[in-house]
């Protein structure tokens, strides 16, 4: 399984990117990654998730996950992220920061 995350926006307009491949992770991280994708129900999300009202200075996320030939991309505003997706986004963001 492979994920590519791009976070843009925010107050300072900082851009953060991460690419995670379960084949290059340790066993614990690979299992956690798969659990987070499964519990997020990611492949059933619509391609766009936007809040009811625009909210400036919030993050925008674009996440693509590839698994066993399936590929899905979701672009979401921070305010529109479903609660079941937040743990996956947070985990990927931590992975990106640790380099």
Protein backbone atom coordinates (compact mmCIF):
# COMPACT_ATOMS: atom_id res chain seq x y z
CA UNK A 1 0.00 0.00 0.00
CA UNK A 2 1.22 3.46 -0.85
CA UNK A 3 0.00 6.92 0.17
CA UNK A 4 0.90 10.38 -1.06
CA UNK A 5 -0.20 13.33 1.05
CA UNK A 6 0.03 17.02 0.28
CA UNK A 7 -1.02 19.61 2.84
CA UNK A 8 -1.25 23.23 1.72
CA UNK A 9 -2.65 26.44 3.11
CA UNK A 10 -2.86 27.36 6.73
CA UNK A 11 -2.02 30.74 8.17
CA UNK A 12 1.57 30.70 6.89
CA UNK A 13 0.80 28.95 3.61
CA UNK A 14 3.27 26.17 4.36
CA UNK A 15 3.34 23.09 2.12
CA UNK A 16 3.99 19.62 3.51
CA UNK A 17 4.29 16.45 1.45
CA UNK A 18 4.72 12.83 2.38
CA UNK A 19 4.91 9.56 0.54
CA UNK A 20 4.56 6.36 2.52
CA UNK A 21 4.96 2.85 1.17
CA UNK A 22 4.10 -0.03 3.47
CA UNK A 23 6.88 -2.09 1.86
CA UNK A 24 9.50 0.31 3.24
CA UNK A 25 8.04 0.66 6.73
CA UNK A 26 8.83 -1.44 9.73
CA UNK A 27 6.28 -4.12 10.64
CA UNK A 28 4.54 -2.06 13.32
CA UNK A 29 4.27 1.05 11.15
CA UNK A 30 3.08 -0.98 8.15
CA UNK A 31 0.34 -2.62 10.25
CA UNK A 32 -0.69 0.74 11.71
CA UNK A 33 -0.84 2.28 8.24
CA UNK A 34 -3.08 -0.50 6.94
CA UNK A 35 -5.34 -0.27 10.02
CA UNK A 36 -5.72 3.49 9.62
CA UNK A 37 -6.61 3.20 5.92
CA UNK A 38 -9.12 0.45 6.67
CA UNK A 39 -10.78 2.28 9.57
CA UNK A 40 -11.00 5.51 7.54
CA UNK A 41 -13.06 3.76 4.84
CA UNK A 42 -10.94 5.86 2.48
CA UNK A 43 -11.88 4.17 -0.78
CA UNK A 44 -15.56 5.04 -0.21
CA UNK A 45 -14.97 8.78 0.28
CA UNK A 46 -15.95 11.22 -2.47
CA UNK A 47 -13.15 12.87 -4.43
CA UNK A 48 -13.94 16.30 -2.94
CA UNK A 49 -14.85 17.21 0.64
CA UNK A 50 -15.59 20.89 1.22
CA UNK A 51 -17.03 22.72 4.24
CA UNK A 52 -20.45 24.37 4.12
CA UNK A 53 -18.80 27.80 4.41
CA UNK A 54 -15.32 28.66 3.12
CA UNK A 55 -12.80 29.02 5.94
CA UNK A 56 -9.65 30.94 5.10
CA UNK A 57 -6.34 29.95 6.66
CA UNK A 58 -7.34 26.31 7.05
CA UNK A 59 -5.32 23.45 5.65
CA UNK A 60 -6.22 21.71 2.41
CA UNK A 61 -5.30 18.03 2.03
CA UNK A 62 -4.88 15.94 -1.08
CA UNK A 63 -4.42 12.28 -0.29
CA UNK A 64 -3.92 9.48 -2.80
CA UNK A 65 -3.82 5.86 -1.72
CA UNK A 66 -2.91 2.94 -3.96
CA UNK A 67 -3.60 -0.61 -2.84
CA UNK A 68 -3.69 -3.82 -4.89
CA UNK A 69 -4.33 -1.98 -8.15
CA UNK A 70 -6.95 0.36 -6.67
CA UNK A 71 -6.15 4.06 -6.59
CA UNK A 72 -8.24 6.80 -5.01
CA UNK A 73 -7.60 10.51 -4.45
CA UNK A 74 -9.49 12.74 -2.04
CA UNK A 75 -9.07 16.50 -1.73
CA UNK A 76 -10.48 17.85 1.51
CA UNK A 77 -10.58 21.01 3.52
CA UNK A 78 -9.40 20.63 7.09
CA UNK A 79 -12.88 21.62 8.30
CA UNK A 80 -14.54 18.96 6.13
CA UNK A 81 -12.35 15.99 7.11
CA UNK A 82 -14.50 13.21 8.54
CA UNK A 83 -13.53 12.11 12.05
CA UNK A 84 -12.60 8.62 10.83
CA UNK A 85 -10.01 10.10 8.40
CA UNK A 86 -8.27 12.44 10.86
CA UNK A 87 -6.15 9.72 12.52
CA UNK A 88 -4.80 8.68 9.09
CA UNK A 89 -3.99 12.30 8.16
CA UNK A 90 -2.35 12.91 11.54
CA UNK A 91 -0.24 9.75 11.25
CA UNK A 92 0.90 10.58 7.72
CA UNK A 93 1.74 14.13 8.81
CA UNK A 94 3.91 12.77 11.66
CA UNK A 95 5.66 10.43 9.21
CA UNK A 96 6.32 13.42 6.89
CA UNK A 97 7.81 15.48 9.71
CA UNK A 98 10.19 12.79 10.87
CA UNK A 99 11.55 12.59 7.34
